Amino acid sequence: MRMRKNAIAALTTVALLSFSIGGHLSAADSQFRDLDHVNGKEKIISLKERGLLKGVSDMQFLPSSKVTAAQGIQLISGGLQLSLAAIDLNQAPQASGLFTQVKDTAWYAEAFINAYYNGVDIPKGTNPAKALTKEEFTHMLIQGMEKAGALPMIKIAPANIADDSELEPSYQGSIQRSLVYKVNVLDGKGNFHPKSAITRAEAAVMLYNALEYLNAHPKS
C-alpha cells in the first residue's frame, strides 16, 4: 500500500499540465510574475518549487483563467492518481462509450475514464471545453479525494452557507464536506459562490488542500 506522502510527491506533471489550452504547458523555471494579490499564492509557489506546477509560459501562470471540464478532470484524475489498477474490467473501456463528447484519442480521454471508474460523477454529455463552476469542480474533486484516500463516511454539522439557495442540491453534501476537509473556505460574508467559474488558481489551491488532508489522514 502506497503511503500518502508518496502520493503527494508523485503528483503528476500531467495533472497540472491540464491547465493549459489543449493540455500542454511550458516549464516554469522562472518565478511567476502574475501572482501578486492572488489568494493561495504561497501554495501555488510551493507546488512550483517542488517541480509539480508549470505555467503557460516561463513567467506566467494566468491564475484568473477559467478551467475547462477537460482540464479540471485531468487535474483531479492525475493529481489524485486515480487509475483502473484495482478495478476488474472484462475489457479496456473507451471514453467514447462512456461520454458522448469525448473522443478516444483526446489527450484527456484517459482522465475521464479513470475518474469515472473511481466514482467521480461526470455527466455523460459533459462538454470537455465547457468552463467548470466552483461547485462542479468541488463536487468532482471531493468524490475523487474520498475514493483515493478511502475516507470514511463522516457525520457533520452543516456549515451555514449564506448563498446556500444557489447551490445545486445534489452538490450540497460534497460542498459541505469540502469545508470540513478544509479544501474550501467561505468568504468573509459566508458565501461559497457556487456558480462562479473556477479559476486556475482556485483549482490548484483546492488540489493542494486535498492532498494536504490526505497526507494528514493516511489509509489505515
Protein backbone atom coordinates (compact mmCIF):
# COMPACT_ATOMS: atom_id res chain seq x y z
CA MET A 1 0.00 0.00 0.00
CA ARG A 2 1.43 3.36 -1.00
CA MET A 3 1.99 5.94 1.66
CA ARG A 4 0.15 9.21 1.27
CA LYS A 5 3.38 11.20 1.30
CA ASN A 6 4.48 9.31 -1.77
CA ALA A 7 1.20 10.20 -3.42
CA ILE A 8 1.86 13.87 -2.87
CA ALA A 9 5.45 13.61 -4.02
CA ALA A 10 4.24 11.85 -7.13
CA LEU A 11 1.68 14.48 -8.06
CA THR A 12 1.95 14.03 -11.77
CA THR A 13 3.11 16.70 -14.15
CA VAL A 14 0.29 15.73 -16.48
CA ALA A 15 -2.25 16.66 -13.79
CA LEU A 16 -1.05 20.22 -13.73
CA LEU A 17 -0.42 20.28 -17.45
CA SER A 18 -4.18 20.11 -17.68
CA PHE A 19 -4.35 23.83 -17.01
CA SER A 20 -3.10 24.67 -20.48
CA ILE A 21 -5.21 25.35 -23.51
CA GLY A 22 -5.15 21.96 -25.18
CA GLY A 23 -3.31 20.39 -22.28
CA HIS A 24 0.32 21.40 -22.91
CA LEU A 25 2.35 23.85 -20.85
CA SER A 26 5.92 25.11 -20.94
CA ALA A 27 8.29 24.75 -18.00
CA ALA A 28 8.08 27.48 -15.38
CA ASP A 29 11.73 27.80 -14.48
CA SER A 30 11.43 31.46 -13.50
CA GLN A 31 9.25 33.00 -10.85
CA PHE A 32 5.68 33.60 -11.96
CA ARG A 33 5.15 37.33 -12.25
CA ASP A 34 1.37 37.33 -12.19
CA LEU A 35 0.62 36.00 -8.69
CA ASP A 36 0.62 39.30 -6.79
CA HIS A 37 -2.53 39.62 -4.69
CA VAL A 38 -3.63 36.09 -5.66
CA ASN A 39 -5.25 34.10 -2.86
CA GLY A 40 -3.21 30.97 -2.23
CA LYS A 41 -0.10 32.41 -3.83
CA GLU A 42 2.16 30.57 -1.38
CA LYS A 43 0.51 27.23 -2.15
CA ILE A 44 0.90 27.74 -5.89
CA ILE A 45 4.55 28.69 -5.40
CA SER A 46 5.06 25.66 -3.15
CA LEU A 47 3.79 23.33 -5.86
CA LYS A 48 6.01 25.05 -8.42
CA GLU A 49 9.12 24.91 -6.23
CA ARG A 50 8.64 21.17 -5.77
CA GLY A 51 8.54 20.80 -9.54
CA LEU A 52 4.84 19.97 -9.51
CA LEU A 53 3.42 23.03 -11.25
CA LYS A 54 4.02 24.58 -14.63
CA GLY A 55 2.72 27.75 -16.21
CA VAL A 56 1.53 28.77 -19.64
CA SER A 57 4.94 30.38 -20.11
CA ASP A 58 8.14 30.67 -18.10
CA MET A 59 6.81 33.60 -16.12
CA GLN A 60 3.03 33.37 -16.47
CA PHE A 61 0.56 31.21 -14.59
CA LEU A 62 -2.60 33.09 -15.64
CA PRO A 63 -4.27 32.50 -12.26
CA SER A 64 -7.58 34.07 -13.26
CA SER A 65 -8.11 31.96 -16.39
CA LYS A 66 -11.08 29.60 -16.40
CA VAL A 67 -10.66 25.83 -16.11
CA THR A 68 -12.46 23.65 -18.64
CA ALA A 69 -14.03 20.29 -17.84
CA ALA A 70 -11.18 18.56 -19.69
CA GLN A 71 -8.55 20.41 -17.68
CA GLY A 72 -10.36 20.03 -14.38
CA ILE A 73 -10.98 16.30 -14.74
CA GLN A 74 -7.38 15.75 -15.85
CA LEU A 75 -6.22 17.68 -12.78
CA ILE A 76 -8.36 15.59 -10.44
CA SER A 77 -7.56 12.25 -12.03
CA GLY A 78 -3.82 12.87 -12.32
CA GLY A 79 -3.38 14.74 -9.05
CA LEU A 80 -5.17 12.06 -7.02
CA GLN A 81 -3.62 9.25 -9.07
CA LEU A 82 -6.93 7.69 -9.97
CA SER A 83 -6.45 4.56 -12.07
CA LEU A 84 -8.04 1.28 -13.10
CA ALA A 85 -5.43 -0.82 -11.28
CA ALA A 86 -7.82 -2.08 -8.62
CA ILE A 87 -10.86 -2.32 -10.89
CA ASP A 88 -11.81 -5.60 -12.57
CA LEU A 89 -12.94 -4.97 -16.14
CA ASN A 90 -13.62 -7.53 -18.85
CA GLN A 91 -12.15 -5.27 -21.50
CA ALA A 92 -10.43 -1.92 -21.73
CA PRO A 93 -13.07 0.82 -21.62
CA GLN A 94 -13.30 3.52 -24.26
CA ALA A 95 -14.10 7.10 -23.43
CA SER A 96 -16.49 7.39 -26.35
CA GLY A 97 -18.53 4.56 -24.89
CA LEU A 98 -18.97 6.46 -21.63
CA PHE A 99 -19.23 10.06 -22.77
CA THR A 100 -20.95 11.43 -25.85
CA GLN A 101 -18.49 14.31 -26.42
CA VAL A 102 -15.15 12.71 -25.52
CA LYS A 103 -13.09 11.22 -28.34
CA ASP A 104 -10.94 8.18 -27.61
CA THR A 105 -7.88 9.99 -28.99
CA ALA A 106 -8.32 13.11 -26.88
CA TRP A 107 -5.43 13.96 -24.51
CA TYR A 108 -7.87 13.93 -21.59
CA ALA A 109 -9.73 10.70 -22.52
CA GLU A 110 -7.85 8.51 -20.02
CA ALA A 111 -8.50 11.00 -17.23
CA PHE A 112 -12.24 10.86 -17.90
CA ILE A 113 -12.16 7.05 -17.84
CA ASN A 114 -10.11 6.82 -14.64
CA ALA A 115 -12.26 9.37 -12.85
CA TYR A 116 -15.48 7.69 -13.96
CA TYR A 117 -14.47 4.25 -12.71
CA ASN A 118 -13.29 5.73 -9.43
CA GLY A 119 -16.69 7.10 -8.56
CA VAL A 120 -16.41 10.64 -9.86
CA ASP A 121 -19.81 11.81 -11.06
CA ILE A 122 -19.26 13.06 -14.61
CA PRO A 123 -22.42 13.58 -16.67
CA LYS A 124 -22.44 11.52 -19.86
CA GLY A 125 -22.96 14.59 -22.02
CA THR A 126 -20.19 16.69 -20.47
CA ASN A 127 -18.62 19.09 -22.96
CA PRO A 128 -14.84 18.96 -22.36
CA ALA A 129 -14.49 22.59 -23.48
CA LYS A 130 -17.11 23.89 -21.03
CA ALA A 131 -15.84 26.07 -18.19
CA LEU A 132 -16.42 24.42 -14.83
CA THR A 133 -18.18 26.19 -12.00
CA LYS A 134 -16.76 26.15 -8.49
CA GLU A 135 -19.47 23.77 -7.29
CA GLU A 136 -18.93 21.36 -10.20
CA PHE A 137 -15.18 21.17 -9.64
CA THR A 138 -15.64 20.84 -5.89
CA HIS A 139 -18.15 18.00 -6.28
CA MET A 140 -15.83 16.01 -8.53
CA LEU A 141 -12.67 16.72 -6.53
CA ILE A 142 -14.26 15.63 -3.25
CA GLN A 143 -15.57 12.41 -4.80
CA GLY A 144 -12.12 11.61 -6.20
CA MET A 145 -10.40 12.59 -2.95
CA GLU A 146 -12.63 10.36 -0.85
CA LYS A 147 -12.09 7.43 -3.19
CA ALA A 148 -8.31 7.93 -3.38
CA GLY A 149 -7.98 8.16 0.39
CA ALA A 150 -10.65 5.57 1.22
CA LEU A 151 -12.04 8.20 3.57
CA PRO A 152 -14.78 7.04 5.94
CA MET A 153 -18.29 8.43 5.97
CA ILE A 154 -18.44 11.37 8.32
CA LYS A 155 -21.26 12.95 10.25
CA ILE A 156 -21.05 16.70 10.11
CA ALA A 157 -22.92 19.70 11.39
CA PRO A 158 -23.63 21.57 8.15
CA ALA A 159 -21.97 24.95 7.89
CA ASN A 160 -24.19 27.97 7.40
CA ILE A 161 -23.58 28.95 3.78
CA ALA A 162 -25.02 32.40 3.07
CA ASP A 163 -25.72 31.66 -0.60
CA ASP A 164 -26.94 28.13 0.06
CA SER A 165 -30.01 28.78 -2.11
CA GLU A 166 -27.74 28.99 -5.16
CA LEU A 167 -26.21 25.54 -4.66
CA GLU A 168 -27.13 22.63 -6.89
CA PRO A 169 -28.93 20.33 -4.38
CA SER A 170 -27.01 17.22 -5.48
CA TYR A 171 -23.71 19.02 -4.77
CA GLN A 172 -24.55 20.20 -1.25
CA GLY A 173 -23.06 17.18 0.54
CA SER A 174 -19.76 17.40 -1.34
CA ILE A 175 -19.53 21.12 -0.73
CA GLN A 176 -20.21 20.72 2.99
CA ARG A 177 -17.54 18.02 3.24
CA SER A 178 -15.09 20.19 1.32
CA LEU A 179 -15.43 22.72 4.13
CA VAL A 180 -14.79 20.05 6.77
CA TYR A 181 -11.72 18.83 4.86
CA LYS A 182 -10.61 22.48 4.52
CA VAL A 183 -10.37 22.07 0.78
CA ASN A 184 -12.62 25.13 0.56
CA VAL A 185 -13.39 28.05 2.85
CA LEU A 186 -16.27 30.50 2.71
CA ASP A 187 -15.61 34.15 2.01
CA GLY A 188 -15.84 36.85 4.65
CA LYS A 189 -19.61 37.06 4.24
CA GLY A 190 -20.11 33.32 4.42
CA ASN A 191 -20.66 32.86 0.69
CA PHE A 192 -19.44 29.94 -1.41
CA HIS A 193 -20.08 31.42 -4.88
CA PRO A 194 -21.12 28.06 -6.41
CA LYS A 195 -21.93 29.34 -9.89
CA SER A 196 -18.69 31.26 -10.44
CA ALA A 197 -16.29 29.81 -12.99
CA ILE A 198 -13.40 28.11 -11.22
CA THR A 199 -10.02 29.66 -11.96
CA ARG A 200 -6.63 28.06 -12.39
CA ALA A 201 -5.50 29.50 -9.07
CA GLU A 202 -8.57 28.24 -7.21
CA ALA A 203 -8.31 24.76 -8.70
CA ALA A 204 -4.60 24.49 -7.89
CA VAL A 205 -5.15 25.60 -4.30
CA MET A 206 -8.06 23.19 -3.84
CA LEU A 207 -5.99 20.27 -5.10
CA TYR A 208 -3.13 21.30 -2.80
CA ASN A 209 -5.53 21.39 0.15
CA ALA A 210 -6.99 18.00 -0.76
CA LEU A 211 -3.55 16.43 -0.91
CA GLU A 212 -2.62 18.00 2.42
CA TYR A 213 -5.70 16.49 4.03
CA LEU A 214 -4.92 13.06 2.61
CA ASN A 215 -1.35 13.35 3.82
CA ALA A 216 -2.61 14.07 7.33
CA HIS A 217 -5.12 11.21 7.19
CA PRO A 218 -3.33 8.21 5.64
CA LYS A 219 -5.13 4.97 4.93
CA SER A 220 -5.15 2.67 7.96
